[in-house]
Amino acid sequence: MNGFYDWLYDHYADPRLNDDAFPSAYHTQKRQWQAVADRLDAGDQLAWQDYLNLLKAYWGTAAFTLGVQVGLFLSPLTPEEE
């Protein structure tokens, strides 16, 4: 994946995402996953949290990248391209 998209996501999209913006189904599922994680020992809980954070960052960056690409595709031509 293009490193620019990673940077753009990390500095623009990720800071603006918060759990309050997600629907109640997200919060329900998050509580269910947390209940499973609470039954793990301390080392496995840390690995579990690291894995979930990695997935969030990866899929968030991928979705953001696709959104940027679609936006660029749908945008009118720039003055240099006319």
PDB file of N, CA and C in Angstrom:
ATOM      1  N   MET A   1       0.847  -1.178   0.000  1.00  0.00           N
ATOM      2  CA  MET A   1       0.000   0.000   0.000  1.00  0.00           C
ATOM      3  C   MET A   1       0.891   1.239   0.000  1.00  0.00           C
ATOM      4  N   ASN A   2       0.437   2.247  -0.662  1.00  0.00           N
ATOM      5  CA  ASN A   2       1.177   3.494  -0.775  1.00  0.00           C
ATOM      6  C   ASN A   2       1.388   4.103   0.612  1.00  0.00           C
ATOM      7  N   GLY A   3       2.638   4.445   0.945  1.00  0.00           N
ATOM      8  CA  GLY A   3       2.960   5.011   2.251  1.00  0.00           C
ATOM      9  C   GLY A   3       2.285   6.342   2.517  1.00  0.00           C
ATOM     10  N   PHE A   4       1.998   7.085   1.454  1.00  0.00           N
ATOM     11  CA  PHE A   4       1.316   8.365   1.625  1.00  0.00           C
ATOM     12  C   PHE A   4      -0.073   8.166   2.213  1.00  0.00           C
ATOM     13  N   TYR A   5      -0.765   7.118   1.763  1.00  0.00           N
ATOM     14  CA  TYR A   5      -2.101   6.859   2.295  1.00  0.00           C
ATOM     15  C   TYR A   5      -2.040   6.495   3.778  1.00  0.00           C
ATOM     16  N   ASP A   6      -1.011   5.740   4.154  1.00  0.00           N
ATOM     17  CA  ASP A   6      -0.829   5.419   5.578  1.00  0.00           C
ATOM     18  C   ASP A   6      -0.644   6.698   6.386  1.00  0.00           C
ATOM     19  N   TRP A   7       0.229   7.572   5.913  1.00  0.00           N
ATOM     20  CA  TRP A   7       0.465   8.840   6.614  1.00  0.00           C
ATOM     21  C   TRP A   7      -0.800   9.675   6.674  1.00  0.00           C
ATOM     22  N   LEU A   8      -1.499   9.777   5.547  1.00  0.00           N
ATOM     23  CA  LEU A   8      -2.717  10.574   5.481  1.00  0.00           C
ATOM     24  C   LEU A   8      -3.759  10.049   6.465  1.00  0.00           C
ATOM     25  N   TYR A   9      -3.917   8.735   6.509  1.00  0.00           N
ATOM     26  CA  TYR A   9      -4.864   8.137   7.454  1.00  0.00           C
ATOM     27  C   TYR A   9      -4.451   8.414   8.896  1.00  0.00           C
ATOM     28  N   ASP A  10      -3.176   8.184   9.204  1.00  0.00           N
ATOM     29  CA  ASP A  10      -2.691   8.374  10.574  1.00  0.00           C
ATOM     30  C   ASP A  10      -2.840   9.811  11.057  1.00  0.00           C
ATOM     31  N   HIS A  11      -2.670  10.781  10.164  1.00  0.00           N
ATOM     32  CA  HIS A  11      -2.696  12.181  10.561  1.00  0.00           C
ATOM     33  C   HIS A  11      -4.016  12.893  10.296  1.00  0.00           C
ATOM     34  N   TYR A  12      -4.901  12.286   9.521  1.00  0.00           N
ATOM     35  CA  TYR A  12      -6.153  12.957   9.202  1.00  0.00           C
ATOM     36  C   TYR A  12      -7.374  12.170   9.698  1.00  0.00           C
ATOM     37  N   ALA A  13      -7.503  10.928   9.284  1.00  0.00           N
ATOM     38  CA  ALA A  13      -8.717  10.173   9.603  1.00  0.00           C
ATOM     39  C   ALA A  13      -8.707   9.581  11.010  1.00  0.00           C
ATOM     40  N   ASP A  14      -7.636   8.895  11.362  1.00  0.00           N
ATOM     41  CA  ASP A  14      -7.608   8.183  12.642  1.00  0.00           C
ATOM     42  C   ASP A  14      -7.869   9.083  13.846  1.00  0.00           C
ATOM     43  N   PRO A  15      -7.264  10.289  13.926  1.00  0.00           N
ATOM     44  CA  PRO A  15      -7.550  11.137  15.094  1.00  0.00           C
ATOM     45  C   PRO A  15      -9.017  11.566  15.194  1.00  0.00           C
ATOM     46  N   ARG A  16      -9.740  11.534  14.083  1.00  0.00           N
ATOM     47  CA  ARG A  16     -11.131  11.976  14.097  1.00  0.00           C
ATOM     48  C   ARG A  16     -12.126  10.841  14.356  1.00  0.00           C
ATOM     49  N   LEU A  17     -11.632   9.619  14.328  1.00  0.00           N
ATOM     50  CA  LEU A  17     -12.501   8.475  14.595  1.00  0.00           C
ATOM     51  C   LEU A  17     -12.579   8.248  16.102  1.00  0.00           C
ATOM     52  N   ASN A  18     -13.786   8.084  16.595  1.00  0.00           N
ATOM     53  CA  ASN A  18     -13.942   7.734  18.001  1.00  0.00           C
ATOM     54  C   ASN A  18     -15.128   6.795  18.135  1.00  0.00           C
ATOM     55  N   ASP A  19     -15.149   6.060  19.209  1.00  0.00           N
ATOM     56  CA  ASP A  19     -16.190   5.050  19.395  1.00  0.00           C
ATOM     57  C   ASP A  19     -17.591   5.643  19.461  1.00  0.00           C
ATOM     58  N   ASP A  20     -17.713   6.885  19.874  1.00  0.00           N
ATOM     59  CA  ASP A  20     -19.042   7.493  20.005  1.00  0.00           C
ATOM     60  C   ASP A  20     -19.755   7.615  18.665  1.00  0.00           C
ATOM     61  N   ALA A  21     -19.001   7.650  17.577  1.00  0.00           N
ATOM     62  CA  ALA A  21     -19.585   7.831  16.251  1.00  0.00           C
ATOM     63  C   ALA A  21     -20.139   6.530  15.669  1.00  0.00           C
ATOM     64  N   PHE A  22     -19.842   5.398  16.281  1.00  0.00           N
ATOM     65  CA  PHE A  22     -20.270   4.114  15.738  1.00  0.00           C
ATOM     66  C   PHE A  22     -21.638   3.705  16.282  1.00  0.00           C
ATOM     67  N   PRO A  23     -22.386   2.888  15.531  1.00  0.00           N
ATOM     68  CA  PRO A  23     -23.734   2.490  15.956  1.00  0.00           C
ATOM     69  C   PRO A  23     -23.712   1.552  17.162  1.00  0.00           C
ATOM     70  N   SER A  24     -24.873   1.359  17.741  1.00  0.00           N
ATOM     71  CA  SER A  24     -24.968   0.543  18.956  1.00  0.00           C
ATOM     72  C   SER A  24     -24.554  -0.905  18.711  1.00  0.00           C
ATOM     73  N   ALA A  25     -24.770  -1.426  17.510  1.00  0.00           N
ATOM     74  CA  ALA A  25     -24.364  -2.807  17.213  1.00  0.00           C
ATOM     75  C   ALA A  25     -22.855  -2.968  17.377  1.00  0.00           C
ATOM     76  N   TYR A  26     -22.110  -1.942  17.008  1.00  0.00           N
ATOM     77  CA  TYR A  26     -20.652  -1.962  17.191  1.00  0.00           C
ATOM     78  C   TYR A  26     -20.307  -2.066  18.674  1.00  0.00           C
ATOM     79  N   HIS A  27     -20.974  -1.265  19.490  1.00  0.00           N
ATOM     80  CA  HIS A  27     -20.683  -1.263  20.925  1.00  0.00           C
ATOM     81  C   HIS A  27     -21.047  -2.599  21.569  1.00  0.00           C
ATOM     82  N   THR A  28     -22.137  -3.204  21.116  1.00  0.00           N
ATOM     83  CA  THR A  28     -22.543  -4.512  21.635  1.00  0.00           C
ATOM     84  C   THR A  28     -21.490  -5.552  21.305  1.00  0.00           C
ATOM     85  N   GLN A  29     -21.050  -5.574  20.055  1.00  0.00           N
ATOM     86  CA  GLN A  29     -20.045  -6.553  19.657  1.00  0.00           C
ATOM     87  C   GLN A  29     -18.712  -6.292  20.359  1.00  0.00           C
ATOM     88  N   LYS A  30     -18.373  -5.042  20.541  1.00  0.00           N
ATOM     89  CA  LYS A  30     -17.132  -4.712  21.234  1.00  0.00           C
ATOM     90  C   LYS A  30     -17.168  -5.223  22.667  1.00  0.00           C
ATOM     91  N   ARG A  31     -18.305  -5.073  23.351  1.00  0.00           N
ATOM     92  CA  ARG A  31     -18.432  -5.593  24.726  1.00  0.00           C
ATOM     93  C   ARG A  31     -18.315  -7.109  24.743  1.00  0.00           C
ATOM     94  N   GLN A  32     -18.888  -7.774  23.741  1.00  0.00           N
ATOM     95  CA  GLN A  32     -18.801  -9.234  23.675  1.00  0.00           C
ATOM     96  C   GLN A  32     -17.356  -9.692  23.486  1.00  0.00           C
ATOM     97  N   TRP A  33     -16.638  -9.043  22.598  1.00  0.00           N
ATOM     98  CA  TRP A  33     -15.232  -9.389  22.374  1.00  0.00           C
ATOM     99  C   TRP A  33     -14.399  -9.092  23.612  1.00  0.00           C
ATOM    100  N   GLN A  34     -14.711  -8.010  24.301  1.00  0.00           N
ATOM    101  CA  GLN A  34     -13.964  -7.668  25.513  1.00  0.00           C
ATOM    102  C   GLN A  34     -14.209  -8.709  26.600  1.00  0.00           C
ATOM    103  N   ALA A  35     -15.420  -9.243  26.673  1.00  0.00           N
ATOM    104  CA  ALA A  35     -15.726 -10.288  27.657  1.00  0.00           C
ATOM    105  C   ALA A  35     -14.897 -11.540  27.380  1.00  0.00           C
ATOM    106  N   VAL A  36     -14.707 -11.861  26.106  1.00  0.00           N
ATOM    107  CA  VAL A  36     -13.851 -13.000  25.752  1.00  0.00           C
ATOM    108  C   VAL A  36     -12.409 -12.711  26.143  1.00  0.00           C
ATOM    109  N   ALA A  37     -11.937 -11.508  25.830  1.00  0.00           N
ATOM    110  CA  ALA A  37     -10.550 -11.144  26.143  1.00  0.00           C
ATOM    111  C   ALA A  37     -10.293 -11.137  27.642  1.00  0.00           C
ATOM    112  N   ASP A  38     -11.287 -10.784  28.439  1.00  0.00           N
ATOM    113  CA  ASP A  38     -11.123 -10.731  29.898  1.00  0.00           C
ATOM    114  C   ASP A  38     -10.853 -12.107  30.504  1.00  0.00           C
ATOM    115  N   ARG A  39     -11.221 -13.169  29.794  1.00  0.00           N
ATOM    116  CA  ARG A  39     -10.994 -14.526  30.290  1.00  0.00           C
ATOM    117  C   ARG A  39      -9.588 -15.034  29.978  1.00  0.00           C
ATOM    118  N   LEU A  40      -8.824 -14.287  29.192  1.00  0.00           N
ATOM    119  CA  LEU A  40      -7.460 -14.697  28.841  1.00  0.00           C
ATOM    120  C   LEU A  40      -6.489 -14.277  29.928  1.00  0.00           C
ATOM    121  N   ASP A  41      -5.325 -14.956  29.962  1.00  0.00           N
ATOM    122  CA  ASP A  41      -4.302 -14.518  30.912  1.00  0.00           C
ATOM    123  C   ASP A  41      -3.675 -13.215  30.418  1.00  0.00           C
ATOM    124  N   ALA A  42      -2.881 -12.583  31.266  1.00  0.00           N
ATOM    125  CA  ALA A  42      -2.373 -11.234  30.982  1.00  0.00           C
ATOM    126  C   ALA A  42      -1.578 -11.165  29.680  1.00  0.00           C
ATOM    127  N   GLY A  43      -0.708 -12.143  29.432  1.00  0.00           N
ATOM    128  CA  GLY A  43       0.090 -12.141  28.211  1.00  0.00           C
ATOM    129  C   GLY A  43      -0.757 -12.277  26.965  1.00  0.00           C
ATOM    130  N   ASP A  44      -1.760 -13.153  27.031  1.00  0.00           N
ATOM    131  CA  ASP A  44      -2.647 -13.340  25.885  1.00  0.00           C
ATOM    132  C   ASP A  44      -3.548 -12.126  25.682  1.00  0.00           C
ATOM    133  N   GLN A  45      -3.924 -11.461  26.771  1.00  0.00           N
ATOM    134  CA  GLN A  45      -4.730 -10.239  26.630  1.00  0.00           C
ATOM    135  C   GLN A  45      -3.962  -9.164  25.881  1.00  0.00           C
ATOM    136  N   LEU A  46      -2.685  -9.037  26.190  1.00  0.00           N
ATOM    137  CA  LEU A  46      -1.853  -8.052  25.504  1.00  0.00           C
ATOM    138  C   LEU A  46      -1.722  -8.392  24.023  1.00  0.00           C
ATOM    139  N   ALA A  47      -1.472  -9.667  23.718  1.00  0.00           N
ATOM    140  CA  ALA A  47      -1.369 -10.097  22.320  1.00  0.00           C
ATOM    141  C   ALA A  47      -2.692  -9.882  21.593  1.00  0.00           C
ATOM    142  N   TRP A  48      -3.794 -10.177  22.259  1.00  0.00           N
ATOM    143  CA  TRP A  48      -5.134  -9.998  21.699  1.00  0.00           C
ATOM    144  C   TRP A  48      -5.374  -8.531  21.348  1.00  0.00           C
ATOM    145  N   GLN A  49      -5.049  -7.645  22.280  1.00  0.00           N
ATOM    146  CA  GLN A  49      -5.254  -6.216  22.066  1.00  0.00           C
ATOM    147  C   GLN A  49      -4.365  -5.696  20.947  1.00  0.00           C
ATOM    148  N   ASP A  50      -3.120  -6.151  20.907  1.00  0.00           N
ATOM    149  CA  ASP A  50      -2.210  -5.752  19.829  1.00  0.00           C
ATOM    150  C   ASP A  50      -2.759  -6.187  18.474  1.00  0.00           C
ATOM    151  N   TYR A  51      -3.259  -7.408  18.413  1.00  0.00           N
ATOM    152  CA  TYR A  51      -3.807  -7.928  17.160  1.00  0.00           C
ATOM    153  C   TYR A  51      -5.029  -7.130  16.714  1.00  0.00           C
ATOM    154  N   LEU A  52      -5.932  -6.840  17.633  1.00  0.00           N
ATOM    155  CA  LEU A  52      -7.123  -6.067  17.276  1.00  0.00           C
ATOM    156  C   LEU A  52      -6.766  -4.650  16.839  1.00  0.00           C
ATOM    157  N   ASN A  53      -5.794  -4.036  17.502  1.00  0.00           N
ATOM    158  CA  ASN A  53      -5.349  -2.697  17.096  1.00  0.00           C
ATOM    159  C   ASN A  53      -4.698  -2.718  15.722  1.00  0.00           C
ATOM    160  N   LEU A  54      -3.939  -3.773  15.435  1.00  0.00           N
ATOM    161  CA  LEU A  54      -3.331  -3.913  14.118  1.00  0.00           C
ATOM    162  C   LEU A  54      -4.402  -4.056  13.041  1.00  0.00           C
ATOM    163  N   LEU A  55      -5.410  -4.884  13.312  1.00  0.00           N
ATOM    164  CA  LEU A  55      -6.503  -5.043  12.347  1.00  0.00           C
ATOM    165  C   LEU A  55      -7.236  -3.722  12.119  1.00  0.00           C
ATOM    166  N   LYS A  56      -7.489  -2.993  13.187  1.00  0.00           N
ATOM    167  CA  LYS A  56      -8.169  -1.700  13.067  1.00  0.00           C
ATOM    168  C   LYS A  56      -7.362  -0.740  12.201  1.00  0.00           C
ATOM    169  N   ALA A  57      -6.062  -0.672  12.458  1.00  0.00           N
ATOM    170  CA  ALA A  57      -5.209   0.236  11.677  1.00  0.00           C
ATOM    171  C   ALA A  57      -5.138  -0.200  10.218  1.00  0.00           C
ATOM    172  N   TYR A  58      -4.984  -1.504   9.981  1.00  0.00           N
ATOM    173  CA  TYR A  58      -4.872  -1.998   8.610  1.00  0.00           C
ATOM    174  C   TYR A  58      -6.160  -1.758   7.820  1.00  0.00           C
ATOM    175  N   TRP A  59      -7.282  -2.201   8.365  1.00  0.00           N
ATOM    176  CA  TRP A  59      -8.545  -2.057   7.640  1.00  0.00           C
ATOM    177  C   TRP A  59      -8.990  -0.607   7.560  1.00  0.00           C
ATOM    178  N   GLY A  60      -8.694   0.182   8.592  1.00  0.00           N
ATOM    179  CA  GLY A  60      -9.016   1.605   8.533  1.00  0.00           C
ATOM    180  C   GLY A  60      -8.241   2.305   7.435  1.00  0.00           C
ATOM    181  N   THR A  61      -6.948   1.991   7.329  1.00  0.00           N
ATOM    182  CA  THR A  61      -6.122   2.586   6.280  1.00  0.00           C
ATOM    183  C   THR A  61      -6.574   2.123   4.905  1.00  0.00           C
ATOM    184  N   ALA A  62      -6.890   0.849   4.776  1.00  0.00           N
ATOM    185  CA  ALA A  62      -7.337   0.330   3.484  1.00  0.00           C
ATOM    186  C   ALA A  62      -8.651   0.983   3.053  1.00  0.00           C
ATOM    187  N   ALA A  63      -9.601   1.104   3.969  1.00  0.00           N
ATOM    188  CA  ALA A  63     -10.887   1.736   3.636  1.00  0.00           C
ATOM    189  C   ALA A  63     -10.697   3.205   3.297  1.00  0.00           C
ATOM    190  N   PHE A  64      -9.852   3.889   4.050  1.00  0.00           N
ATOM    191  CA  PHE A  64      -9.586   5.301   3.782  1.00  0.00           C
ATOM    192  C   PHE A  64      -8.935   5.473   2.411  1.00  0.00           C
ATOM    193  N   THR A  65      -7.990   4.597   2.084  1.00  0.00           N
ATOM    194  CA  THR A  65      -7.314   4.650   0.789  1.00  0.00           C
ATOM    195  C   THR A  65      -8.303   4.476  -0.348  1.00  0.00           C
ATOM    196  N   LEU A  66      -9.194   3.508  -0.215  1.00  0.00           N
ATOM    197  CA  LEU A  66     -10.206   3.302  -1.258  1.00  0.00           C
ATOM    198  C   LEU A  66     -11.105   4.523  -1.387  1.00  0.00           C
ATOM    199  N   GLY A  67     -11.451   5.132  -0.268  1.00  0.00           N
ATOM    200  CA  GLY A  67     -12.275   6.334  -0.316  1.00  0.00           C
ATOM    201  C   GLY A  67     -11.570   7.481  -1.014  1.00  0.00           C
ATOM    202  N   VAL A  68     -10.287   7.640  -0.755  1.00  0.00           N
ATOM    203  CA  VAL A  68      -9.508   8.693  -1.429  1.00  0.00           C
ATOM    204  C   VAL A  68      -9.455   8.415  -2.928  1.00  0.00           C
ATOM    205  N   GLN A  69      -9.217   7.177  -3.292  1.00  0.00           N
ATOM    206  CA  GLN A  69      -9.129   6.823  -4.711  1.00  0.00           C
ATOM    207  C   GLN A  69     -10.453   7.051  -5.428  1.00  0.00           C
ATOM    208  N   VAL A  70     -11.550   6.673  -4.817  1.00  0.00           N
ATOM    209  CA  VAL A  70     -12.867   6.908  -5.428  1.00  0.00           C
ATOM    210  C   VAL A  70     -13.122   8.402  -5.541  1.00  0.00           C
ATOM    211  N   GLY A  71     -12.783   9.151  -4.499  1.00  0.00           N
ATOM    212  CA  GLY A  71     -12.962  10.599  -4.542  1.00  0.00           C
ATOM    213  C   GLY A  71     -12.161  11.236  -5.656  1.00  0.00           C
ATOM    214  N   LEU A  72     -10.933  10.788  -5.837  1.00  0.00           N
ATOM    215  CA  LEU A  72     -10.114  11.329  -6.924  1.00  0.00           C
ATOM    216  C   LEU A  72     -10.674  10.955  -8.292  1.00  0.00           C
ATOM    217  N   PHE A  73     -11.195   9.741  -8.398  1.00  0.00           N
ATOM    218  CA  PHE A  73     -11.775   9.292  -9.652  1.00  0.00           C
ATOM    219  C   PHE A  73     -13.015  10.115 -10.011  1.00  0.00           C
ATOM    220  N   LEU A  74     -13.809  10.437  -9.011  1.00  0.00           N
ATOM    221  CA  LEU A  74     -15.051  11.170  -9.248  1.00  0.00           C
ATOM    222  C   LEU A  74     -14.862  12.680  -9.322  1.00  0.00           C
ATOM    223  N   SER A  75     -13.709  13.169  -8.929  1.00  0.00           N
ATOM    224  CA  SER A  75     -13.491  14.610  -8.933  1.00  0.00           C
ATOM    225  C   SER A  75     -13.304  15.115 -10.365  1.00  0.00           C
ATOM    226  N   PRO A  76     -13.659  16.375 -10.591  1.00  0.00           N
ATOM    227  CA  PRO A  76     -13.456  16.925 -11.937  1.00  0.00           C
ATOM    228  C   PRO A  76     -11.962  17.035 -12.236  1.00  0.00           C
ATOM    229  N   LEU A  77     -11.655  17.214 -13.495  1.00  0.00           N
ATOM    230  CA  LEU A  77     -10.261  17.352 -13.890  1.00  0.00           C
ATOM    231  C   LEU A  77      -9.621  18.566 -13.239  1.00  0.00           C
ATOM    232  N   THR A  78      -8.373  18.417 -12.872  1.00  0.00           N
ATOM    233  CA  THR A  78      -7.640  19.558 -12.323  1.00  0.00           C
ATOM    234  C   THR A  78      -7.209  20.463 -13.471  1.00  0.00           C
ATOM    235  N   PRO A  79      -6.883  21.719 -13.203  1.00  0.00           N
ATOM    236  CA  PRO A  79      -6.500  22.647 -14.274  1.00  0.00           C
ATOM    237  C   PRO A  79      -5.340  22.120 -15.133  1.00  0.00           C
ATOM    238  N   GLU A  80      -4.400  21.362 -14.545  1.00  0.00           N
ATOM    239  CA  GLU A  80      -3.278  20.838 -15.315  1.00  0.00           C
ATOM    240  C   GLU A  80      -3.716  19.808 -16.346  1.00  0.00           C
ATOM    241  N   GLU A  81      -4.853  19.128 -16.082  1.00  0.00           N
ATOM    242  CA  GLU A  81      -5.306  18.059 -16.959  1.00  0.00           C
ATOM    243  C   GLU A  81      -6.225  18.557 -18.056  1.00  0.00           C
ATOM    244  N   GLU A  82      -6.658  19.804 -18.017  1.00  0.00           N
ATOM    245  CA  GLU A  82      -7.599  20.332 -19.009  1.00  0.00           C
ATOM    246  C   GLU A  82      -6.909  20.683 -20.292  1.00  0.00           C
TER     247      GLU A  82
END
